[in-house]
Amino acid sequence: MKVAAMIYKRQPLRYVGMLIGCLIAACSINLFVVPSHLLTGGVTGIAIIIYYLAELPIGIQSFLYNIPLLIASYKLLGKNYTIDVIIGTVLFSVCIDATRFLNAYAPLGDETMLAAIYGGVFIGTGYGIVFRMNGSTGGFDILGAIFKKFYSMNIGSVIFAFNCLIVAAAGVLFGIKLAMFTMIYMFVVGQFTDKVIAGLNQSKAVLIISEKSREIANAIMNDVGRGVTFLHGEGAFSGEEREIVMVVVRLTQLGKLKIITQAIDRNAFMIVMSAGEVMGRGFTRPSNTMKIPDADKLSPDVEEKIQKALHEN
């Protein structure tokens, strides 16, 4: 019951976030995409093609084209998923037509390349906010979810395939140059959508294999201020058991971590991986000062070696 109450309290804030994301994306479409005769992906891209040919409102078209997809979603994907998609679809469609007046205030004129880049940045940011709120604007997202459920196909691949059809249509109807600008725009949208969904604080997950794993772990806790986890591994060839150091650091701390590790053990094997999103103490929650137990504090000679390596670099 407490969990349900918590989810219910968060719903209004979630829908406000979806509205903000839809508004940013809609404003960007009317400021950058439509004035420069570009296209977007998904059902909105189809609506924009018809708008260029017949000047029918993009938002109303998007909503009408989504109706068959919403029906399919309700039958195949369930009620709860479909309700969220309906809300996102309505918000996005209304925002597009409500901000149509911005066409007259396009800031970039004939600079199609800049329009593709700026449009991609802001629309990707808007989409990212919507998706971060676990929402959807409908369209090809529904098709992707259906294909994933019944054919185990990757959602991104399905959406990309349908968007390629839109780009091909753009090339046939409006010329290859416009199609190329649309591809650039779609690429930027994808990059910024992923960045916003993952979060702006880039972190790295690091695995360190060393015979001096304890010393390295203590140095990380003392000098980097990050918690460390030991994973137990075994060498396939030697059969020796090893303690593997696992730590997650911010991108700005990675250089210091490398220097400390090399100062203690030049033969250490280090694997650095991107961590899309990190939740927990020191990352998404307020960081508290870590008190290091006396047993884990560095010996004076190791501390001196580390400080010397940091100074040299």
C-alpha atoms as a PDB file:
ATOM      1  CA  MET A   1       0.000   0.000   0.000  1.00  0.00           C
ATOM      2  CA  LYS A   2       2.838   2.374   0.849  1.00  0.00           C
ATOM      3  CA  VAL A   3       4.519   1.642  -2.493  1.00  0.00           C
ATOM      4  CA  ALA A   4       1.282   2.318  -4.386  1.00  0.00           C
ATOM      5  CA  ALA A   5       0.810   5.614  -2.491  1.00  0.00           C
ATOM      6  CA  MET A   6       4.356   6.658  -3.335  1.00  0.00           C
ATOM      7  CA  ILE A   7       3.835   5.936  -7.047  1.00  0.00           C
ATOM      8  CA  TYR A   8       0.531   7.843  -7.019  1.00  0.00           C
ATOM      9  CA  LYS A   9       2.184  10.908  -5.464  1.00  0.00           C
ATOM     10  CA  ARG A  10       4.894  10.908  -8.127  1.00  0.00           C
ATOM     11  CA  GLN A  11       2.479  10.678 -11.066  1.00  0.00           C
ATOM     12  CA  PRO A  12       1.612  14.431 -11.265  1.00  0.00           C
ATOM     13  CA  LEU A  13       5.301  15.374 -11.296  1.00  0.00           C
ATOM     14  CA  ARG A  14       5.910  12.757 -13.968  1.00  0.00           C
ATOM     15  CA  TYR A  15       3.203  14.161 -16.221  1.00  0.00           C
ATOM     16  CA  VAL A  16       4.534  17.702 -15.717  1.00  0.00           C
ATOM     17  CA  GLY A  17       7.921  16.417 -16.892  1.00  0.00           C
ATOM     18  CA  MET A  18       6.310  14.803 -19.931  1.00  0.00           C
ATOM     19  CA  LEU A  19       4.534  18.088 -20.737  1.00  0.00           C
ATOM     20  CA  ILE A  20       7.787  20.045 -20.508  1.00  0.00           C
ATOM     21  CA  GLY A  21       9.555  17.532 -22.766  1.00  0.00           C
ATOM     22  CA  CYS A  22       6.720  17.601 -25.337  1.00  0.00           C
ATOM     23  CA  LEU A  23       6.685  21.409 -25.296  1.00  0.00           C
ATOM     24  CA  ILE A  24      10.444  21.646 -25.892  1.00  0.00           C
ATOM     25  CA  ALA A  25      10.260  19.161 -28.783  1.00  0.00           C
ATOM     26  CA  ALA A  26       7.187  20.850 -30.318  1.00  0.00           C
ATOM     27  CA  CYS A  27       8.745  24.325 -30.141  1.00  0.00           C
ATOM     28  CA  SER A  28      11.892  22.991 -31.790  1.00  0.00           C
ATOM     29  CA  ILE A  29       9.902  21.401 -34.614  1.00  0.00           C
ATOM     30  CA  ASN A  30       8.163  24.706 -35.338  1.00  0.00           C
ATOM     31  CA  LEU A  31      11.310  26.832 -34.949  1.00  0.00           C
ATOM     32  CA  PHE A  32      13.887  24.708 -36.759  1.00  0.00           C
ATOM     33  CA  VAL A  33      12.454  21.685 -38.596  1.00  0.00           C
ATOM     34  CA  VAL A  34       9.394  22.993 -40.442  1.00  0.00           C
ATOM     35  CA  PRO A  35      10.865  26.389 -41.523  1.00  0.00           C
ATOM     36  CA  SER A  36      13.896  24.582 -42.986  1.00  0.00           C
ATOM     37  CA  HIS A  37      11.731  21.975 -44.731  1.00  0.00           C
ATOM     38  CA  LEU A  38      13.310  19.119 -42.760  1.00  0.00           C
ATOM     39  CA  LEU A  39      11.580  15.964 -41.512  1.00  0.00           C
ATOM     40  CA  THR A  40      11.467  14.131 -38.220  1.00  0.00           C
ATOM     41  CA  GLY A  41      11.269  10.437 -37.539  1.00  0.00           C
ATOM     42  CA  GLY A  42       8.184   8.421 -36.706  1.00  0.00           C
ATOM     43  CA  VAL A  43       4.552   9.268 -37.324  1.00  0.00           C
ATOM     44  CA  THR A  44       5.332  12.976 -36.920  1.00  0.00           C
ATOM     45  CA  GLY A  45       7.643  12.710 -39.933  1.00  0.00           C
ATOM     46  CA  ILE A  46       4.765  11.360 -42.036  1.00  0.00           C
ATOM     47  CA  ALA A  47       2.545  14.176 -40.782  1.00  0.00           C
ATOM     48  CA  ILE A  48       5.188  16.761 -41.750  1.00  0.00           C
ATOM     49  CA  ILE A  49       5.411  15.321 -45.288  1.00  0.00           C
ATOM     50  CA  ILE A  50       1.622  15.716 -45.675  1.00  0.00           C
ATOM     51  CA  TYR A  51       1.898  19.223 -44.187  1.00  0.00           C
ATOM     52  CA  TYR A  52       4.426  20.214 -46.840  1.00  0.00           C
ATOM     53  CA  LEU A  53       2.159  18.838 -49.572  1.00  0.00           C
ATOM     54  CA  ALA A  54      -1.298  19.872 -48.295  1.00  0.00           C
ATOM     55  CA  GLU A  55      -0.702  22.140 -45.241  1.00  0.00           C
ATOM     56  CA  LEU A  56      -2.818  20.005 -42.912  1.00  0.00           C
ATOM     57  CA  PRO A  57      -2.042  20.657 -39.193  1.00  0.00           C
ATOM     58  CA  ILE A  58       0.815  18.439 -38.027  1.00  0.00           C
ATOM     59  CA  GLY A  59      -0.517  17.834 -34.512  1.00  0.00           C
ATOM     60  CA  ILE A  60      -3.984  16.719 -35.596  1.00  0.00           C
ATOM     61  CA  GLN A  61      -2.465  14.466 -38.242  1.00  0.00           C
ATOM     62  CA  SER A  62      -0.094  12.892 -35.718  1.00  0.00           C
ATOM     63  CA  PHE A  63      -2.936  12.099 -33.351  1.00  0.00           C
ATOM     64  CA  LEU A  64      -5.128  10.612 -36.116  1.00  0.00           C
ATOM     65  CA  TYR A  65      -2.283   8.470 -37.465  1.00  0.00           C
ATOM     66  CA  ASN A  66      -1.628   7.195 -33.947  1.00  0.00           C
ATOM     67  CA  ILE A  67      -5.190   5.951 -33.390  1.00  0.00           C
ATOM     68  CA  PRO A  68      -4.709   2.583 -35.191  1.00  0.00           C
ATOM     69  CA  LEU A  69      -1.398   2.117 -33.371  1.00  0.00           C
ATOM     70  CA  LEU A  70      -3.038   2.901 -30.017  1.00  0.00           C
ATOM     71  CA  ILE A  71      -5.766   0.329 -30.709  1.00  0.00           C
ATOM     72  CA  ALA A  72      -3.108  -2.251 -31.559  1.00  0.00           C
ATOM     73  CA  SER A  73      -1.207  -1.286 -28.413  1.00  0.00           C
ATOM     74  CA  TYR A  74      -4.293  -1.779 -26.237  1.00  0.00           C
ATOM     75  CA  LYS A  75      -4.957  -5.217 -27.697  1.00  0.00           C
ATOM     76  CA  LEU A  76      -1.367  -6.460 -27.801  1.00  0.00           C
ATOM     77  CA  LEU A  77       0.550  -4.589 -25.096  1.00  0.00           C
ATOM     78  CA  GLY A  78      -2.075  -3.993 -22.430  1.00  0.00           C
ATOM     79  CA  LYS A  79      -4.087  -1.205 -20.837  1.00  0.00           C
ATOM     80  CA  ASN A  80      -1.446   0.338 -18.558  1.00  0.00           C
ATOM     81  CA  TYR A  81       1.138   0.805 -21.322  1.00  0.00           C
ATOM     82  CA  THR A  82      -1.485   2.237 -23.679  1.00  0.00           C
ATOM     83  CA  ILE A  83      -2.807   4.811 -21.182  1.00  0.00           C
ATOM     84  CA  ASP A  84       0.656   6.331 -20.811  1.00  0.00           C
ATOM     85  CA  VAL A  85       1.144   6.384 -24.583  1.00  0.00           C
ATOM     86  CA  ILE A  86      -2.254   8.079 -25.083  1.00  0.00           C
ATOM     87  CA  ILE A  87      -1.318  10.814 -22.602  1.00  0.00           C
ATOM     88  CA  GLY A  88       2.049  11.390 -24.297  1.00  0.00           C
ATOM     89  CA  THR A  89       0.481  11.356 -27.776  1.00  0.00           C
ATOM     90  CA  VAL A  90      -2.201  13.894 -26.838  1.00  0.00           C
ATOM     91  CA  LEU A  91       0.291  16.196 -25.102  1.00  0.00           C
ATOM     92  CA  PHE A  92       2.705  16.116 -28.039  1.00  0.00           C
ATOM     93  CA  SER A  93       0.002  16.623 -30.681  1.00  0.00           C
ATOM     94  CA  VAL A  94      -1.529  19.568 -28.820  1.00  0.00           C
ATOM     95  CA  CYS A  95       1.882  21.163 -28.215  1.00  0.00           C
ATOM     96  CA  ILE A  96       2.828  20.940 -31.912  1.00  0.00           C
ATOM     97  CA  ASP A  97      -0.291  22.757 -33.114  1.00  0.00           C
ATOM     98  CA  ALA A  98      -0.326  25.202 -30.172  1.00  0.00           C
ATOM     99  CA  THR A  99       3.215  26.360 -31.037  1.00  0.00           C
ATOM    100  CA  ARG A 100       2.648  26.527 -34.800  1.00  0.00           C
ATOM    101  CA  PHE A 101       2.873  30.350 -34.652  1.00  0.00           C
ATOM    102  CA  LEU A 102       6.629  29.969 -34.005  1.00  0.00           C
ATOM    103  CA  ASN A 103       7.122  29.181 -37.714  1.00  0.00           C
ATOM    104  CA  ALA A 104       7.145  32.944 -38.286  1.00  0.00           C
ATOM    105  CA  TYR A 105      10.000  33.426 -35.803  1.00  0.00           C
ATOM    106  CA  ALA A 106      12.462  30.913 -37.257  1.00  0.00           C
ATOM    107  CA  PRO A 107      15.900  32.211 -36.186  1.00  0.00           C
ATOM    108  CA  LEU A 108      18.136  30.524 -38.772  1.00  0.00           C
ATOM    109  CA  GLY A 109      16.575  31.422 -42.136  1.00  0.00           C
ATOM    110  CA  ASP A 110      18.228  29.432 -44.926  1.00  0.00           C
ATOM    111  CA  GLU A 111      20.895  27.853 -42.687  1.00  0.00           C
ATOM    112  CA  THR A 112      19.634  24.310 -43.116  1.00  0.00           C
ATOM    113  CA  MET A 113      22.679  22.643 -41.557  1.00  0.00           C
ATOM    114  CA  LEU A 114      22.424  24.767 -38.402  1.00  0.00           C
ATOM    115  CA  ALA A 115      18.667  24.095 -38.280  1.00  0.00           C
ATOM    116  CA  ALA A 116      19.346  20.344 -38.435  1.00  0.00           C
ATOM    117  CA  ILE A 117      21.876  20.571 -35.591  1.00  0.00           C
ATOM    118  CA  TYR A 118      19.952  22.964 -33.330  1.00  0.00           C
ATOM    119  CA  GLY A 119      16.688  21.160 -34.019  1.00  0.00           C
ATOM    120  CA  GLY A 120      18.316  17.832 -33.202  1.00  0.00           C
ATOM    121  CA  VAL A 121      19.764  19.167 -29.944  1.00  0.00           C
ATOM    122  CA  PHE A 122      16.508  20.619 -28.602  1.00  0.00           C
ATOM    123  CA  ILE A 123      14.168  17.931 -29.903  1.00  0.00           C
ATOM    124  CA  GLY A 124      16.494  15.215 -28.593  1.00  0.00           C
ATOM    125  CA  THR A 125      16.472  16.972 -25.225  1.00  0.00           C
ATOM    126  CA  GLY A 126      12.663  17.102 -25.245  1.00  0.00           C
ATOM    127  CA  TYR A 127      12.304  13.449 -26.208  1.00  0.00           C
ATOM    128  CA  GLY A 128      14.897  12.508 -23.602  1.00  0.00           C
ATOM    129  CA  ILE A 129      12.898  14.230 -20.853  1.00  0.00           C
ATOM    130  CA  VAL A 130       9.727  12.413 -21.947  1.00  0.00           C
ATOM    131  CA  PHE A 131      11.478   9.029 -22.003  1.00  0.00           C
ATOM    132  CA  ARG A 132      13.239   9.742 -18.707  1.00  0.00           C
ATOM    133  CA  MET A 133       9.775  10.207 -17.195  1.00  0.00           C
ATOM    134  CA  ASN A 134       8.986   6.709 -18.554  1.00  0.00           C
ATOM    135  CA  GLY A 135       6.622   8.268 -21.084  1.00  0.00           C
ATOM    136  CA  SER A 136       6.199   8.009 -24.835  1.00  0.00           C
ATOM    137  CA  THR A 137       4.938  10.176 -27.684  1.00  0.00           C
ATOM    138  CA  GLY A 138       3.496   7.180 -29.518  1.00  0.00           C
ATOM    139  CA  GLY A 139       4.159   6.484 -33.184  1.00  0.00           C
ATOM    140  CA  PHE A 140       6.919   4.057 -34.091  1.00  0.00           C
ATOM    141  CA  ASP A 141       7.654   3.465 -30.384  1.00  0.00           C
ATOM    142  CA  ILE A 142       4.485   1.361 -30.336  1.00  0.00           C
ATOM    143  CA  LEU A 143       5.536  -0.593 -33.417  1.00  0.00           C
ATOM    144  CA  GLY A 144       8.948  -1.169 -31.857  1.00  0.00           C
ATOM    145  CA  ALA A 145       7.370  -2.489 -28.641  1.00  0.00           C
ATOM    146  CA  ILE A 146       5.069  -4.814 -30.619  1.00  0.00           C
ATOM    147  CA  PHE A 147       7.916  -6.208 -32.743  1.00  0.00           C
ATOM    148  CA  LYS A 148      10.025  -6.712 -29.608  1.00  0.00           C
ATOM    149  CA  LYS A 149       7.252  -8.626 -27.844  1.00  0.00           C
ATOM    150  CA  PHE A 150       6.306 -10.965 -30.696  1.00  0.00           C
ATOM    151  CA  TYR A 151       9.490 -11.210 -32.769  1.00  0.00           C
ATOM    152  CA  SER A 152      12.236 -10.472 -30.164  1.00  0.00           C
ATOM    153  CA  MET A 153      13.515  -7.652 -32.363  1.00  0.00           C
ATOM    154  CA  ASN A 154      15.432  -4.703 -30.938  1.00  0.00           C
ATOM    155  CA  ILE A 155      13.181  -1.640 -30.556  1.00  0.00           C
ATOM    156  CA  GLY A 156      15.891   0.733 -31.794  1.00  0.00           C
ATOM    157  CA  SER A 157      16.433  -1.343 -34.939  1.00  0.00           C
ATOM    158  CA  VAL A 158      12.710  -1.393 -35.764  1.00  0.00           C
ATOM    159  CA  ILE A 159      12.365   2.381 -35.319  1.00  0.00           C
ATOM    160  CA  PHE A 160      15.546   2.972 -37.351  1.00  0.00           C
ATOM    161  CA  ALA A 161      14.203   0.835 -40.218  1.00  0.00           C
ATOM    162  CA  PHE A 162      10.932   2.773 -40.388  1.00  0.00           C
ATOM    163  CA  ASN A 163      12.779   6.091 -40.158  1.00  0.00           C
ATOM    164  CA  CYS A 164      14.933   5.022 -43.119  1.00  0.00           C
ATOM    165  CA  LEU A 165      11.712   4.708 -45.142  1.00  0.00           C
ATOM    166  CA  ILE A 166      10.832   8.292 -44.194  1.00  0.00           C
ATOM    167  CA  VAL A 167      14.279   9.514 -45.254  1.00  0.00           C
ATOM    168  CA  ALA A 168      13.903   7.643 -48.552  1.00  0.00           C
ATOM    169  CA  ALA A 169      10.511   9.299 -49.089  1.00  0.00           C
ATOM    170  CA  ALA A 170      12.087  12.672 -48.360  1.00  0.00           C
ATOM    171  CA  GLY A 171      14.759  12.008 -50.973  1.00  0.00           C
ATOM    172  CA  VAL A 172      12.153  11.110 -53.613  1.00  0.00           C
ATOM    173  CA  LEU A 173       9.775  13.997 -52.855  1.00  0.00           C
ATOM    174  CA  PHE A 174      12.106  16.821 -51.899  1.00  0.00           C
ATOM    175  CA  GLY A 175      15.567  15.915 -53.171  1.00  0.00           C
ATOM    176  CA  ILE A 176      18.637  14.088 -51.887  1.00  0.00           C
ATOM    177  CA  LYS A 177      20.077  17.189 -50.207  1.00  0.00           C
ATOM    178  CA  LEU A 178      17.110  17.516 -47.870  1.00  0.00           C
ATOM    179  CA  ALA A 179      17.248  13.796 -47.124  1.00  0.00           C
ATOM    180  CA  MET A 180      20.907  14.097 -46.074  1.00  0.00           C
ATOM    181  CA  PHE A 181      20.141  17.026 -43.760  1.00  0.00           C
ATOM    182  CA  THR A 182      17.288  14.989 -42.274  1.00  0.00           C
ATOM    183  CA  MET A 183      19.697  12.107 -41.561  1.00  0.00           C
ATOM    184  CA  ILE A 184      22.063  14.513 -39.781  1.00  0.00           C
ATOM    185  CA  TYR A 185      19.148  15.854 -37.764  1.00  0.00           C
ATOM    186  CA  MET A 186      17.984  12.330 -36.789  1.00  0.00           C
ATOM    187  CA  PHE A 187      21.504  11.397 -35.696  1.00  0.00           C
ATOM    188  CA  VAL A 188      21.753  14.441 -33.408  1.00  0.00           C
ATOM    189  CA  VAL A 189      18.286  13.714 -32.000  1.00  0.00           C
ATOM    190  CA  GLY A 190      19.335  10.146 -31.136  1.00  0.00           C
ATOM    191  CA  GLN A 191      22.554  11.266 -29.453  1.00  0.00           C
ATOM    192  CA  PHE A 192      20.913  13.883 -27.255  1.00  0.00           C
ATOM    193  CA  THR A 193      17.957  11.663 -26.413  1.00  0.00           C
ATOM    194  CA  ASP A 194      20.363   9.009 -25.125  1.00  0.00           C
ATOM    195  CA  LYS A 195      22.380  11.596 -23.167  1.00  0.00           C
ATOM    196  CA  VAL A 196      19.321  12.977 -21.396  1.00  0.00           C
ATOM    197  CA  ILE A 197      17.939   9.499 -20.628  1.00  0.00           C
ATOM    198  CA  ALA A 198      21.280   8.334 -19.230  1.00  0.00           C
ATOM    199  CA  GLY A 199      21.894  11.558 -17.304  1.00  0.00           C
ATOM    200  CA  LEU A 200      24.493  14.244 -17.775  1.00  0.00           C
ATOM    201  CA  ASN A 201      26.857  13.002 -15.054  1.00  0.00           C
ATOM    202  CA  GLN A 202      29.086  10.583 -16.929  1.00  0.00           C
ATOM    203  CA  SER A 203      30.601   7.875 -14.780  1.00  0.00           C
ATOM    204  CA  LYS A 204      33.006   4.996 -15.364  1.00  0.00           C
ATOM    205  CA  ALA A 205      32.911   1.519 -13.884  1.00  0.00           C
ATOM    206  CA  VAL A 206      36.451   0.206 -13.377  1.00  0.00           C
ATOM    207  CA  LEU A 207      37.671  -3.342 -12.742  1.00  0.00           C
ATOM    208  CA  ILE A 208      41.260  -3.737 -11.489  1.00  0.00           C
ATOM    209  CA  ILE A 209      43.061  -7.088 -11.305  1.00  0.00           C
ATOM    210  CA  SER A 210      46.240  -6.935  -9.266  1.00  0.00           C
ATOM    211  CA  GLU A 211      48.297  -8.855  -6.719  1.00  0.00           C
ATOM    212  CA  LYS A 212      48.109  -5.705  -4.600  1.00  0.00           C
ATOM    213  CA  SER A 213      44.359  -5.335  -4.729  1.00  0.00           C
ATOM    214  CA  ARG A 214      44.041  -4.469  -1.033  1.00  0.00           C
ATOM    215  CA  GLU A 215      46.565  -1.628  -1.256  1.00  0.00           C
ATOM    216  CA  ILE A 216      44.885  -0.287  -4.394  1.00  0.00           C
ATOM    217  CA  ALA A 217      41.449  -0.460  -2.763  1.00  0.00           C
ATOM    218  CA  ASN A 218      42.666   1.374   0.318  1.00  0.00           C
ATOM    219  CA  ALA A 219      44.329   4.043  -1.827  1.00  0.00           C
ATOM    220  CA  ILE A 220      41.104   4.575  -3.791  1.00  0.00           C
ATOM    221  CA  MET A 221      39.110   5.011  -0.581  1.00  0.00           C
ATOM    222  CA  ASN A 222      41.726   7.347   0.919  1.00  0.00           C
ATOM    223  CA  ASP A 223      42.693   9.505  -2.044  1.00  0.00           C
ATOM    224  CA  VAL A 224      39.691   9.314  -4.393  1.00  0.00           C
ATOM    225  CA  GLY A 225      36.996   9.049  -1.753  1.00  0.00           C
ATOM    226  CA  ARG A 226      35.054   6.281  -3.471  1.00  0.00           C
ATOM    227  CA  GLY A 227      33.752   3.041  -2.028  1.00  0.00           C
ATOM    228  CA  VAL A 228      35.250  -0.167  -3.372  1.00  0.00           C
ATOM    229  CA  THR A 229      33.846  -3.683  -3.834  1.00  0.00           C
ATOM    230  CA  PHE A 230      35.899  -6.874  -4.061  1.00  0.00           C
ATOM    231  CA  LEU A 231      34.834  -9.471  -6.607  1.00  0.00           C
ATOM    232  CA  HIS A 232      36.301 -12.947  -6.265  1.00  0.00           C
ATOM    233  CA  GLY A 233      37.782 -14.359  -9.447  1.00  0.00           C
ATOM    234  CA  GLU A 234      40.001 -17.214 -10.559  1.00  0.00           C
ATOM    235  CA  GLY A 235      42.560 -17.297 -13.342  1.00  0.00           C
ATOM    236  CA  ALA A 236      41.539 -19.835 -15.987  1.00  0.00           C
ATOM    237  CA  PHE A 237      45.164 -20.706 -16.840  1.00  0.00           C
ATOM    238  CA  SER A 238      46.882 -20.431 -13.452  1.00  0.00           C
ATOM    239  CA  GLY A 239      43.935 -21.492 -11.296  1.00  0.00           C
ATOM    240  CA  GLU A 240      44.925 -18.807  -8.769  1.00  0.00           C
ATOM    241  CA  GLU A 241      42.212 -16.998  -6.867  1.00  0.00           C
ATOM    242  CA  ARG A 242      42.261 -13.213  -7.152  1.00  0.00           C
ATOM    243  CA  GLU A 243      40.426 -10.312  -5.566  1.00  0.00           C
ATOM    244  CA  ILE A 244      39.144  -8.016  -8.313  1.00  0.00           C
ATOM    245  CA  VAL A 245      38.660  -4.378  -7.356  1.00  0.00           C
ATOM    246  CA  MET A 246      35.447  -2.820  -8.642  1.00  0.00           C
ATOM    247  CA  VAL A 247      34.832   0.908  -8.298  1.00  0.00           C
ATOM    248  CA  VAL A 248      32.606   3.495  -9.971  1.00  0.00           C
ATOM    249  CA  VAL A 249      34.069   6.992 -10.386  1.00  0.00           C
ATOM    250  CA  ARG A 250      33.144  10.199 -12.101  1.00  0.00           C
ATOM    251  CA  LEU A 251      34.875  10.908 -15.408  1.00  0.00           C
ATOM    252  CA  THR A 252      36.961  13.656 -13.772  1.00  0.00           C
ATOM    253  CA  GLN A 253      38.326  11.157 -11.217  1.00  0.00           C
ATOM    254  CA  LEU A 254      39.409   8.543 -13.747  1.00  0.00           C
ATOM    255  CA  GLY A 255      42.851  10.068 -14.411  1.00  0.00           C
ATOM    256  CA  LYS A 256      43.672  10.149 -10.710  1.00  0.00           C
ATOM    257  CA  LEU A 257      42.519   6.547 -10.345  1.00  0.00           C
ATOM    258  CA  LYS A 258      44.843   5.418 -13.149  1.00  0.00           C
ATOM    259  CA  ILE A 259      47.831   7.212 -11.610  1.00  0.00           C
ATOM    260  CA  ILE A 260      47.192   5.713  -8.162  1.00  0.00           C
ATOM    261  CA  THR A 261      46.824   2.186  -9.569  1.00  0.00           C
ATOM    262  CA  GLN A 262      50.021   2.433 -11.642  1.00  0.00           C
ATOM    263  CA  ALA A 263      51.944   3.890  -8.695  1.00  0.00           C
ATOM    264  CA  ILE A 264      51.112   0.864  -6.538  1.00  0.00           C
ATOM    265  CA  ASP A 265      51.290  -1.870  -9.196  1.00  0.00           C
ATOM    266  CA  ARG A 266      52.606  -1.217 -12.695  1.00  0.00           C
ATOM    267  CA  ASN A 267      51.461  -4.701 -13.752  1.00  0.00           C
ATOM    268  CA  ALA A 268      47.852  -4.127 -12.722  1.00  0.00           C
ATOM    269  CA  PHE A 269      45.244  -5.033 -15.334  1.00  0.00           C
ATOM    270  CA  MET A 270      42.548  -2.353 -15.567  1.00  0.00           C
ATOM    271  CA  ILE A 271      39.229  -2.430 -17.462  1.00  0.00           C
ATOM    272  CA  VAL A 272      37.336   0.870 -17.862  1.00  0.00           C
ATOM    273  CA  MET A 273      33.667   0.711 -18.881  1.00  0.00           C
ATOM    274  CA  SER A 274      31.047   3.392 -19.419  1.00  0.00           C
ATOM    275  CA  ALA A 275      28.290   3.436 -16.813  1.00  0.00           C
ATOM    276  CA  GLY A 276      25.151   4.845 -18.443  1.00  0.00           C
ATOM    277  CA  GLU A 277      23.543   5.821 -15.134  1.00  0.00           C
ATOM    278  CA  VAL A 278      24.653   5.399 -11.541  1.00  0.00           C
ATOM    279  CA  MET A 279      22.267   5.620  -8.610  1.00  0.00           C
ATOM    280  CA  GLY A 280      23.297   5.624  -4.981  1.00  0.00           C
ATOM    281  CA  ARG A 281      25.465   7.325  -2.420  1.00  0.00           C
ATOM    282  CA  GLY A 282      27.841   9.890  -3.860  1.00  0.00           C
ATOM    283  CA  PHE A 283      26.147   9.991  -7.276  1.00  0.00           C
ATOM    284  CA  THR A 284      22.402  10.631  -7.291  1.00  0.00           C
ATOM    285  CA  ARG A 285      22.158  11.213  -3.545  1.00  0.00           C
ATOM    286  CA  PRO A 286      24.065  13.760  -1.401  1.00  0.00           C
ATOM    287  CA  SER A 287      27.596  12.593  -0.782  1.00  0.00           C
ATOM    288  CA  ASN A 288      28.589  12.087   2.853  1.00  0.00           C
ATOM    289  CA  THR A 289      32.138  12.285   4.112  1.00  0.00           C
ATOM    290  CA  MET A 290      33.567   8.786   4.139  1.00  0.00           C
ATOM    291  CA  LYS A 291      35.299   7.808   7.348  1.00  0.00           C
ATOM    292  CA  ILE A 292      38.167   5.421   6.593  1.00  0.00           C
ATOM    293  CA  PRO A 293      38.772   2.698   9.224  1.00  0.00           C
ATOM    294  CA  ASP A 294      42.271   2.750  10.706  1.00  0.00           C
ATOM    295  CA  ALA A 295      42.936  -0.708   9.282  1.00  0.00           C
ATOM    296  CA  ASP A 296      42.335   0.602   5.759  1.00  0.00           C
ATOM    297  CA  LYS A 297      44.474   3.722   6.016  1.00  0.00           C
ATOM    298  CA  LEU A 298      47.570   3.782   3.835  1.00  0.00           C
ATOM    299  CA  SER A 299      51.030   3.273   5.192  1.00  0.00           C
ATOM    300  CA  PRO A 300      53.293   6.361   4.981  1.00  0.00           C
ATOM    301  CA  ASP A 301      55.522   4.840   2.262  1.00  0.00           C
ATOM    302  CA  VAL A 302      52.558   3.961  -0.004  1.00  0.00           C
ATOM    303  CA  GLU A 303      51.039   7.417   0.535  1.00  0.00           C
ATOM    304  CA  GLU A 304      54.368   9.024  -0.343  1.00  0.00           C
ATOM    305  CA  LYS A 305      54.625   6.934  -3.536  1.00  0.00           C
ATOM    306  CA  ILE A 306      51.100   7.942  -4.604  1.00  0.00           C
ATOM    307  CA  GLN A 307      51.630  11.639  -3.901  1.00  0.00           C
ATOM    308  CA  LYS A 308      54.884  11.567  -5.855  1.00  0.00           C
ATOM    309  CA  ALA A 309      53.135   9.922  -8.853  1.00  0.00           C
ATOM    310  CA  LEU A 310      50.285  12.469  -8.739  1.00  0.00           C
ATOM    311  CA  HIS A 311      52.761  15.343  -8.567  1.00  0.00           C
ATOM    312  CA  GLU A 312      54.779  14.039 -11.528  1.00  0.00           C
ATOM    313  CA  ASN A 313      51.629  13.778 -13.668  1.00  0.00           C
END
